[in-house]
Amino acid sequence: MNPLGVAVMKATDKAAPYDLCTQPEQMRRILETTRLAIMVFDSTGNCVCASQAAMSLFGASEIQELRPLGSAGVSPPLQPDGTHSAEKWQQTLE
């Protein structure tokens, strides 16, 4: 069983990407308390927030250090089905 996974949430309003990390309060609490490595990306693949476990996994002490990685920087070149990760990301967003 692969311990890594992806969950996609599509924003339907015009809220800024970082609002996901501060609103609602429950999301912020989850990211602050979980032992799971969770990263939240916007539709362009930029990391907008992450759990402490994710930051530790990538050796980052602040979220700003993860932002340049983007979704491509934390994904293998190919997904298990043989699809390139960048292509799979686009399919997921459609």
PDB file of N, CA and C in Angstrom:
ATOM      1  N   MET A   1       0.835  -1.179   0.000  1.00  0.00           N
ATOM      2  CA  MET A   1       0.000   0.000   0.000  1.00  0.00           C
ATOM      3  C   MET A   1       0.881   1.243   0.000  1.00  0.00           C
ATOM      4  N   ASN A   2       0.582   2.181  -0.880  1.00  0.00           N
ATOM      5  CA  ASN A   2       1.339   3.414  -0.975  1.00  0.00           C
ATOM      6  C   ASN A   2       0.824   4.408   0.062  1.00  0.00           C
ATOM      7  N   PRO A   3       1.686   4.906   0.967  1.00  0.00           N
ATOM      8  CA  PRO A   3       1.227   5.815   2.005  1.00  0.00           C
ATOM      9  C   PRO A   3       0.990   7.238   1.513  1.00  0.00           C
ATOM     10  N   LEU A   4       1.353   7.536   0.270  1.00  0.00           N
ATOM     11  CA  LEU A   4       1.176   8.877  -0.266  1.00  0.00           C
ATOM     12  C   LEU A   4      -0.078   8.945  -1.105  1.00  0.00           C
ATOM     13  N   GLY A   5      -0.729  10.067  -1.107  1.00  0.00           N
ATOM     14  CA  GLY A   5      -1.933  10.226  -1.902  1.00  0.00           C
ATOM     15  C   GLY A   5      -2.165  11.679  -2.237  1.00  0.00           C
ATOM     16  N   VAL A   6      -3.139  11.901  -3.077  1.00  0.00           N
ATOM     17  CA  VAL A   6      -3.472  13.254  -3.504  1.00  0.00           C
ATOM     18  C   VAL A   6      -4.964  13.467  -3.341  1.00  0.00           C
ATOM     19  N   ALA A   7      -5.318  14.582  -2.782  1.00  0.00           N
ATOM     20  CA  ALA A   7      -6.718  14.989  -2.717  1.00  0.00           C
ATOM     21  C   ALA A   7      -6.827  16.319  -3.438  1.00  0.00           C
ATOM     22  N   VAL A   8      -7.802  16.440  -4.293  1.00  0.00           N
ATOM     23  CA  VAL A   8      -7.966  17.668  -5.062  1.00  0.00           C
ATOM     24  C   VAL A   8      -9.231  18.379  -4.624  1.00  0.00           C
ATOM     25  N   MET A   9      -9.087  19.646  -4.283  1.00  0.00           N
ATOM     26  CA  MET A   9     -10.225  20.490  -3.944  1.00  0.00           C
ATOM     27  C   MET A   9     -10.207  21.648  -4.920  1.00  0.00           C
ATOM     28  N   LYS A  10     -11.298  21.850  -5.612  1.00  0.00           N
ATOM     29  CA  LYS A  10     -11.371  22.950  -6.568  1.00  0.00           C
ATOM     30  C   LYS A  10     -12.116  24.114  -5.942  1.00  0.00           C
ATOM     31  N   ALA A  11     -11.467  25.259  -5.930  1.00  0.00           N
ATOM     32  CA  ALA A  11     -12.109  26.457  -5.387  1.00  0.00           C
ATOM     33  C   ALA A  11     -13.148  26.958  -6.373  1.00  0.00           C
ATOM     34  N   THR A  12     -14.320  27.255  -5.870  1.00  0.00           N
ATOM     35  CA  THR A  12     -15.380  27.747  -6.744  1.00  0.00           C
ATOM     36  C   THR A  12     -15.631  29.232  -6.553  1.00  0.00           C
ATOM     37  N   ASP A  13     -14.972  29.815  -5.577  1.00  0.00           N
ATOM     38  CA  ASP A  13     -15.139  31.248  -5.377  1.00  0.00           C
ATOM     39  C   ASP A  13     -13.852  31.979  -5.735  1.00  0.00           C
ATOM     40  N   LYS A  14     -13.828  33.254  -5.514  1.00  0.00           N
ATOM     41  CA  LYS A  14     -12.681  34.074  -5.885  1.00  0.00           C
ATOM     42  C   LYS A  14     -11.730  34.310  -4.715  1.00  0.00           C
ATOM     43  N   ALA A  15     -11.803  33.489  -3.691  1.00  0.00           N
ATOM     44  CA  ALA A  15     -10.940  33.658  -2.524  1.00  0.00           C
ATOM     45  C   ALA A  15      -9.484  33.449  -2.911  1.00  0.00           C
ATOM     46  N   ALA A  16      -8.610  34.156  -2.248  1.00  0.00           N
ATOM     47  CA  ALA A  16      -7.182  33.984  -2.494  1.00  0.00           C
ATOM     48  C   ALA A  16      -6.768  32.587  -2.067  1.00  0.00           C
ATOM     49  N   PRO A  17      -5.761  31.989  -2.737  1.00  0.00           N
ATOM     50  CA  PRO A  17      -5.351  30.617  -2.409  1.00  0.00           C
ATOM     51  C   PRO A  17      -5.017  30.416  -0.939  1.00  0.00           C
ATOM     52  N   TYR A  18      -4.379  31.405  -0.302  1.00  0.00           N
ATOM     53  CA  TYR A  18      -3.996  31.222   1.094  1.00  0.00           C
ATOM     54  C   TYR A  18      -5.186  31.166   2.032  1.00  0.00           C
ATOM     55  N   ASP A  19      -6.366  31.595   1.580  1.00  0.00           N
ATOM     56  CA  ASP A  19      -7.551  31.515   2.429  1.00  0.00           C
ATOM     57  C   ASP A  19      -7.851  30.078   2.842  1.00  0.00           C
ATOM     58  N   LEU A  20      -7.473  29.124   1.994  1.00  0.00           N
ATOM     59  CA  LEU A  20      -7.686  27.717   2.321  1.00  0.00           C
ATOM     60  C   LEU A  20      -6.956  27.355   3.603  1.00  0.00           C
ATOM     61  N   CYS A  21      -5.821  28.000   3.858  1.00  0.00           N
ATOM     62  CA  CYS A  21      -5.022  27.692   5.037  1.00  0.00           C
ATOM     63  C   CYS A  21      -5.505  28.409   6.288  1.00  0.00           C
ATOM     64  N   THR A  22      -6.238  29.482   6.116  1.00  0.00           N
ATOM     65  CA  THR A  22      -6.679  30.246   7.280  1.00  0.00           C
ATOM     66  C   THR A  22      -8.175  30.137   7.522  1.00  0.00           C
ATOM     67  N   GLN A  23      -8.927  29.750   6.510  1.00  0.00           N
ATOM     68  CA  GLN A  23     -10.381  29.614   6.606  1.00  0.00           C
ATOM     69  C   GLN A  23     -10.783  28.329   5.923  1.00  0.00           C
ATOM     70  N   PRO A  24     -11.546  27.499   6.455  1.00  0.00           N
ATOM     71  CA  PRO A  24     -12.065  27.608   7.815  1.00  0.00           C
ATOM     72  C   PRO A  24     -11.021  27.210   8.855  1.00  0.00           C
ATOM     73  N   GLU A  25     -11.311  27.518  10.066  1.00  0.00           N
ATOM     74  CA  GLU A  25     -10.423  27.226  11.193  1.00  0.00           C
ATOM     75  C   GLU A  25     -10.074  25.739  11.287  1.00  0.00           C
ATOM     76  N   GLN A  26     -11.005  24.892  10.943  1.00  0.00           N
ATOM     77  CA  GLN A  26     -10.775  23.447  11.043  1.00  0.00           C
ATOM     78  C   GLN A  26      -9.605  23.010  10.160  1.00  0.00           C
ATOM     79  N   MET A  27      -9.508  23.555   8.954  1.00  0.00           N
ATOM     80  CA  MET A  27      -8.407  23.190   8.057  1.00  0.00           C
ATOM     81  C   MET A  27      -7.071  23.592   8.663  1.00  0.00           C
ATOM     82  N   ARG A  28      -7.009  24.783   9.221  1.00  0.00           N
ATOM     83  CA  ARG A  28      -5.779  25.244   9.846  1.00  0.00           C
ATOM     84  C   ARG A  28      -5.385  24.328  11.002  1.00  0.00           C
ATOM     85  N   ARG A  29      -6.371  23.937  11.828  1.00  0.00           N
ATOM     86  CA  ARG A  29      -6.078  23.048  12.963  1.00  0.00           C
ATOM     87  C   ARG A  29      -5.557  21.699  12.491  1.00  0.00           C
ATOM     88  N   ILE A  30      -6.140  21.183  11.422  1.00  0.00           N
ATOM     89  CA  ILE A  30      -5.682  19.895  10.889  1.00  0.00           C
ATOM     90  C   ILE A  30      -4.222  19.992  10.473  1.00  0.00           C
ATOM     91  N   LEU A  31      -3.887  21.027   9.731  1.00  0.00           N
ATOM     92  CA  LEU A  31      -2.509  21.185   9.268  1.00  0.00           C
ATOM     93  C   LEU A  31      -1.534  21.382  10.418  1.00  0.00           C
ATOM     94  N   GLU A  32      -1.978  22.010  11.489  1.00  0.00           N
ATOM     95  CA  GLU A  32      -1.108  22.254  12.637  1.00  0.00           C
ATOM     96  C   GLU A  32      -0.905  21.023  13.506  1.00  0.00           C
ATOM     97  N   THR A  33      -1.866  20.100  13.519  1.00  0.00           N
ATOM     98  CA  THR A  33      -1.797  18.998  14.472  1.00  0.00           C
ATOM     99  C   THR A  33      -1.544  17.619  13.871  1.00  0.00           C
ATOM    100  N   THR A  34      -1.720  17.450  12.576  1.00  0.00           N
ATOM    101  CA  THR A  34      -1.562  16.130  11.980  1.00  0.00           C
ATOM    102  C   THR A  34      -0.101  15.690  11.940  1.00  0.00           C
ATOM    103  N   ARG A  35       0.099  14.393  11.990  1.00  0.00           N
ATOM    104  CA  ARG A  35       1.435  13.837  11.806  1.00  0.00           C
ATOM    105  C   ARG A  35       1.646  13.418  10.355  1.00  0.00           C
ATOM    106  N   LEU A  36       0.617  13.606   9.526  1.00  0.00           N
ATOM    107  CA  LEU A  36       0.713  13.275   8.106  1.00  0.00           C
ATOM    108  C   LEU A  36       1.347  14.426   7.334  1.00  0.00           C
ATOM    109  N   ALA A  37       2.079  14.089   6.292  1.00  0.00           N
ATOM    110  CA  ALA A  37       2.666  15.109   5.421  1.00  0.00           C
ATOM    111  C   ALA A  37       1.598  15.550   4.422  1.00  0.00           C
ATOM    112  N   ILE A  38       1.022  16.713   4.664  1.00  0.00           N
ATOM    113  CA  ILE A  38      -0.040  17.244   3.814  1.00  0.00           C
ATOM    114  C   ILE A  38       0.436  18.548   3.190  1.00  0.00           C
ATOM    115  N   MET A  39       0.311  18.635   1.869  1.00  0.00           N
ATOM    116  CA  MET A  39       0.629  19.873   1.157  1.00  0.00           C
ATOM    117  C   MET A  39      -0.602  20.267   0.355  1.00  0.00           C
ATOM    118  N   VAL A  40      -0.905  21.549   0.335  1.00  0.00           N
ATOM    119  CA  VAL A  40      -2.041  22.062  -0.424  1.00  0.00           C
ATOM    120  C   VAL A  40      -1.487  22.917  -1.556  1.00  0.00           C
ATOM    121  N   PHE A  41      -1.909  22.576  -2.782  1.00  0.00           N
ATOM    122  CA  PHE A  41      -1.445  23.288  -3.972  1.00  0.00           C
ATOM    123  C   PHE A  41      -2.599  24.037  -4.612  1.00  0.00           C
ATOM    124  N   ASP A  42      -2.285  25.172  -5.230  1.00  0.00           N
ATOM    125  CA  ASP A  42      -3.316  25.871  -5.989  1.00  0.00           C
ATOM    126  C   ASP A  42      -3.391  25.261  -7.389  1.00  0.00           C
ATOM    127  N   SER A  43      -4.258  25.787  -8.234  1.00  0.00           N
ATOM    128  CA  SER A  43      -4.483  25.189  -9.554  1.00  0.00           C
ATOM    129  C   SER A  43      -3.289  25.308 -10.489  1.00  0.00           C
ATOM    130  N   THR A  44      -2.320  26.138 -10.148  1.00  0.00           N
ATOM    131  CA  THR A  44      -1.123  26.245 -10.980  1.00  0.00           C
ATOM    132  C   THR A  44       0.008  25.370 -10.459  1.00  0.00           C
ATOM    133  N   GLY A  45      -0.244  24.650  -9.370  1.00  0.00           N
ATOM    134  CA  GLY A  45       0.761  23.746  -8.826  1.00  0.00           C
ATOM    135  C   GLY A  45       1.645  24.349  -7.761  1.00  0.00           C
ATOM    136  N   ASN A  46       1.338  25.547  -7.297  1.00  0.00           N
ATOM    137  CA  ASN A  46       2.127  26.183  -6.246  1.00  0.00           C
ATOM    138  C   ASN A  46       1.646  25.735  -4.873  1.00  0.00           C
ATOM    139  N   CYS A  47       2.591  25.426  -3.998  1.00  0.00           N
ATOM    140  CA  CYS A  47       2.253  25.039  -2.631  1.00  0.00           C
ATOM    141  C   CYS A  47       1.794  26.281  -1.878  1.00  0.00           C
ATOM    142  N   VAL A  48       0.582  26.233  -1.343  1.00  0.00           N
ATOM    143  CA  VAL A  48       0.049  27.388  -0.618  1.00  0.00           C
ATOM    144  C   VAL A  48       0.058  27.186   0.892  1.00  0.00           C
ATOM    145  N   CYS A  49       0.112  25.947   1.352  1.00  0.00           N
ATOM    146  CA  CYS A  49       0.282  25.669   2.768  1.00  0.00           C
ATOM    147  C   CYS A  49       0.630  24.195   2.934  1.00  0.00           C
ATOM    148  N   ALA A  50       1.157  23.866   4.106  1.00  0.00           N
ATOM    149  CA  ALA A  50       1.587  22.493   4.352  1.00  0.00           C
ATOM    150  C   ALA A  50       1.615  22.217   5.846  1.00  0.00           C
ATOM    151  N   SER A  51       1.514  20.945   6.168  1.00  0.00           N
ATOM    152  CA  SER A  51       1.620  20.540   7.574  1.00  0.00           C
ATOM    153  C   SER A  51       3.092  20.548   7.983  1.00  0.00           C
ATOM    154  N   GLN A  52       3.330  20.554   9.284  1.00  0.00           N
ATOM    155  CA  GLN A  52       4.700  20.506   9.793  1.00  0.00           C
ATOM    156  C   GLN A  52       5.393  19.226   9.334  1.00  0.00           C
ATOM    157  N   ALA A  53       4.650  18.131   9.265  1.00  0.00           N
ATOM    158  CA  ALA A  53       5.228  16.861   8.812  1.00  0.00           C
ATOM    159  C   ALA A  53       5.716  16.967   7.368  1.00  0.00           C
ATOM    160  N   ALA A  54       4.986  17.668   6.520  1.00  0.00           N
ATOM    161  CA  ALA A  54       5.413  17.859   5.128  1.00  0.00           C
ATOM    162  C   ALA A  54       6.672  18.710   5.076  1.00  0.00           C
ATOM    163  N   MET A  55       6.704  19.752   5.880  1.00  0.00           N
ATOM    164  CA  MET A  55       7.892  20.601   5.894  1.00  0.00           C
ATOM    165  C   MET A  55       9.107  19.813   6.371  1.00  0.00           C
ATOM    166  N   SER A  56       8.928  18.981   7.381  1.00  0.00           N
ATOM    167  CA  SER A  56      10.029  18.146   7.870  1.00  0.00           C
ATOM    168  C   SER A  56      10.483  17.150   6.819  1.00  0.00           C
ATOM    169  N   LEU A  57       9.528  16.561   6.106  1.00  0.00           N
ATOM    170  CA  LEU A  57       9.840  15.583   5.066  1.00  0.00           C
ATOM    171  C   LEU A  57      10.770  16.171   4.011  1.00  0.00           C
ATOM    172  N   PHE A  58      10.556  17.435   3.666  1.00  0.00           N
ATOM    173  CA  PHE A  58      11.364  18.085   2.638  1.00  0.00           C
ATOM    174  C   PHE A  58      12.460  18.975   3.219  1.00  0.00           C
ATOM    175  N   GLY A  59      12.678  18.891   4.527  1.00  0.00           N
ATOM    176  CA  GLY A  59      13.756  19.639   5.164  1.00  0.00           C
ATOM    177  C   GLY A  59      13.526  21.137   5.207  1.00  0.00           C
ATOM    178  N   ALA A  60      12.280  21.553   5.232  1.00  0.00           N
ATOM    179  CA  ALA A  60      11.953  22.978   5.257  1.00  0.00           C
ATOM    180  C   ALA A  60      11.579  23.411   6.668  1.00  0.00           C
ATOM    181  N   SER A  61      11.985  24.603   7.038  1.00  0.00           N
ATOM    182  CA  SER A  61      11.586  25.125   8.344  1.00  0.00           C
ATOM    183  C   SER A  61      10.444  26.128   8.212  1.00  0.00           C
ATOM    184  N   GLU A  62      10.210  26.617   6.984  1.00  0.00           N
ATOM    185  CA  GLU A  62       9.120  27.556   6.723  1.00  0.00           C
ATOM    186  C   GLU A  62       8.440  27.198   5.412  1.00  0.00           C
ATOM    187  N   ILE A  63       7.170  27.525   5.291  1.00  0.00           N
ATOM    188  CA  ILE A  63       6.393  27.214   4.091  1.00  0.00           C
ATOM    189  C   ILE A  63       7.016  27.844   2.844  1.00  0.00           C
ATOM    190  N   GLN A  64       7.641  28.995   2.983  1.00  0.00           N
ATOM    191  CA  GLN A  64       8.252  29.669   1.840  1.00  0.00           C
ATOM    192  C   GLN A  64       9.296  28.794   1.155  1.00  0.00           C
ATOM    193  N   GLU A  65       9.912  27.890   1.894  1.00  0.00           N
ATOM    194  CA  GLU A  65      10.915  26.998   1.317  1.00  0.00           C
ATOM    195  C   GLU A  65      10.284  25.936   0.425  1.00  0.00           C
ATOM    196  N   LEU A  66       9.013  25.619   0.636  1.00  0.00           N
ATOM    197  CA  LEU A  66       8.329  24.614  -0.182  1.00  0.00           C
ATOM    198  C   LEU A  66       7.716  25.205  -1.442  1.00  0.00           C
ATOM    199  N   ARG A  67       7.390  26.473  -1.417  1.00  0.00           N
ATOM    200  CA  ARG A  67       6.690  27.085  -2.553  1.00  0.00           C
ATOM    201  C   ARG A  67       7.416  26.907  -3.882  1.00  0.00           C
ATOM    202  N   PRO A  68       8.732  27.060  -3.959  1.00  0.00           N
ATOM    203  CA  PRO A  68       9.397  26.891  -5.256  1.00  0.00           C
ATOM    204  C   PRO A  68       9.323  25.464  -5.804  1.00  0.00           C
ATOM    205  N   LEU A  69       9.111  24.476  -4.937  1.00  0.00           N
ATOM    206  CA  LEU A  69       9.042  23.089  -5.405  1.00  0.00           C
ATOM    207  C   LEU A  69       7.849  22.859  -6.316  1.00  0.00           C
ATOM    208  N   GLY A  70       6.709  23.368  -5.937  1.00  0.00           N
ATOM    209  CA  GLY A  70       5.492  23.131  -6.702  1.00  0.00           C
ATOM    210  C   GLY A  70       5.116  21.663  -6.710  1.00  0.00           C
ATOM    211  N   SER A  71       4.010  21.363  -7.367  1.00  0.00           N
ATOM    212  CA  SER A  71       3.543  19.973  -7.409  1.00  0.00           C
ATOM    213  C   SER A  71       4.522  19.080  -8.155  1.00  0.00           C
ATOM    214  N   ALA A  72       5.171  19.608  -9.181  1.00  0.00           N
ATOM    215  CA  ALA A  72       6.133  18.809  -9.950  1.00  0.00           C
ATOM    216  C   ALA A  72       7.359  18.453  -9.118  1.00  0.00           C
ATOM    217  N   GLY A  73       7.745  19.336  -8.222  1.00  0.00           N
ATOM    218  CA  GLY A  73       8.931  19.103  -7.407  1.00  0.00           C
ATOM    219  C   GLY A  73       8.760  18.048  -6.336  1.00  0.00           C
ATOM    220  N   VAL A  74       7.532  17.684  -6.030  1.00  0.00           N
ATOM    221  CA  VAL A  74       7.295  16.670  -5.005  1.00  0.00           C
ATOM    222  C   VAL A  74       6.678  15.404  -5.590  1.00  0.00           C
ATOM    223  N   SER A  75       6.617  15.344  -6.914  1.00  0.00           N
ATOM    224  CA  SER A  75       6.029  14.180  -7.590  1.00  0.00           C
ATOM    225  C   SER A  75       7.108  13.423  -8.357  1.00  0.00           C
ATOM    226  N   PRO A  76       6.945  12.109  -8.490  1.00  0.00           N
ATOM    227  CA  PRO A  76       7.879  11.352  -9.324  1.00  0.00           C
ATOM    228  C   PRO A  76       7.636  11.721 -10.790  1.00  0.00           C
ATOM    229  N   PRO A  77       8.599  11.478 -11.674  1.00  0.00           N
ATOM    230  CA  PRO A  77       8.389  11.798 -13.091  1.00  0.00           C
ATOM    231  C   PRO A  77       7.158  11.107 -13.672  1.00  0.00           C
ATOM    232  N   LEU A  78       6.957   9.839 -13.294  1.00  0.00           N
ATOM    233  CA  LEU A  78       5.817   9.068 -13.795  1.00  0.00           C
ATOM    234  C   LEU A  78       4.954   8.592 -12.640  1.00  0.00           C
ATOM    235  N   GLN A  79       3.655   8.563 -12.870  1.00  0.00           N
ATOM    236  CA  GLN A  79       2.706   8.026 -11.907  1.00  0.00           C
ATOM    237  C   GLN A  79       2.631   6.503 -12.086  1.00  0.00           C
ATOM    238  N   PRO A  80       2.054   5.766 -11.133  1.00  0.00           N
ATOM    239  CA  PRO A  80       1.985   4.305 -11.237  1.00  0.00           C
ATOM    240  C   PRO A  80       1.330   3.793 -12.519  1.00  0.00           C
ATOM    241  N   ASP A  81       0.425   4.597 -13.106  1.00  0.00           N
ATOM    242  CA  ASP A  81      -0.221   4.158 -14.348  1.00  0.00           C
ATOM    243  C   ASP A  81       0.602   4.487 -15.589  1.00  0.00           C
ATOM    244  N   GLY A  82       1.797   5.051 -15.397  1.00  0.00           N
ATOM    245  CA  GLY A  82       2.678   5.375 -16.512  1.00  0.00           C
ATOM    246  C   GLY A  82       2.513   6.780 -17.056  1.00  0.00           C
ATOM    247  N   THR A  83       1.538   7.511 -16.557  1.00  0.00           N
ATOM    248  CA  THR A  83       1.299   8.882 -17.005  1.00  0.00           C
ATOM    249  C   THR A  83       2.336   9.816 -16.382  1.00  0.00           C
ATOM    250  N   HIS A  84       2.815  10.776 -17.173  1.00  0.00           N
ATOM    251  CA  HIS A  84       3.721  11.782 -16.625  1.00  0.00           C
ATOM    252  C   HIS A  84       2.986  12.574 -15.549  1.00  0.00           C
ATOM    253  N   SER A  85       3.682  12.888 -14.475  1.00  0.00           N
ATOM    254  CA  SER A  85       3.053  13.578 -13.346  1.00  0.00           C
ATOM    255  C   SER A  85       2.432  14.913 -13.749  1.00  0.00           C
ATOM    256  N   ALA A  86       3.105  15.679 -14.595  1.00  0.00           N
ATOM    257  CA  ALA A  86       2.556  16.972 -15.022  1.00  0.00           C
ATOM    258  C   ALA A  86       1.242  16.777 -15.777  1.00  0.00           C
ATOM    259  N   GLU A  87       1.187  15.751 -16.614  1.00  0.00           N
ATOM    260  CA  GLU A  87      -0.041  15.458 -17.360  1.00  0.00           C
ATOM    261  C   GLU A  87      -1.155  15.021 -16.409  1.00  0.00           C
ATOM    262  N   LYS A  88      -0.810  14.178 -15.442  1.00  0.00           N
ATOM    263  CA  LYS A  88      -1.797  13.706 -14.470  1.00  0.00           C
ATOM    264  C   LYS A  88      -2.346  14.880 -13.652  1.00  0.00           C
ATOM    265  N   TRP A  89      -1.482  15.831 -13.306  1.00  0.00           N
ATOM    266  CA  TRP A  89      -1.909  17.010 -12.556  1.00  0.00           C
ATOM    267  C   TRP A  89      -2.962  17.777 -13.351  1.00  0.00           C
ATOM    268  N   GLN A  90      -2.698  17.985 -14.635  1.00  0.00           N
ATOM    269  CA  GLN A  90      -3.650  18.707 -15.482  1.00  0.00           C
ATOM    270  C   GLN A  90      -4.970  17.946 -15.611  1.00  0.00           C
ATOM    271  N   GLN A  91      -4.893  16.623 -15.747  1.00  0.00           N
ATOM    272  CA  GLN A  91      -6.111  15.807 -15.843  1.00  0.00           C
ATOM    273  C   GLN A  91      -6.936  15.933 -14.565  1.00  0.00           C
ATOM    274  N   THR A  92      -6.258  15.968 -13.444  1.00  0.00           N
ATOM    275  CA  THR A  92      -6.934  16.055 -12.157  1.00  0.00           C
ATOM    276  C   THR A  92      -7.676  17.376 -12.012  1.00  0.00           C
ATOM    277  N   LEU A  93      -7.118  18.431 -12.567  1.00  0.00           N
ATOM    278  CA  LEU A  93      -7.726  19.752 -12.448  1.00  0.00           C
ATOM    279  C   LEU A  93      -8.886  19.971 -13.401  1.00  0.00           C
ATOM    280  N   GLU A  94      -8.996  19.156 -14.430  1.00  0.00           N
ATOM    281  CA  GLU A  94     -10.070  19.334 -15.422  1.00  0.00           C
ATOM    282  C   GLU A  94     -11.405  18.844 -14.907  1.00  0.00           C
TER     283      GLU A  94
END
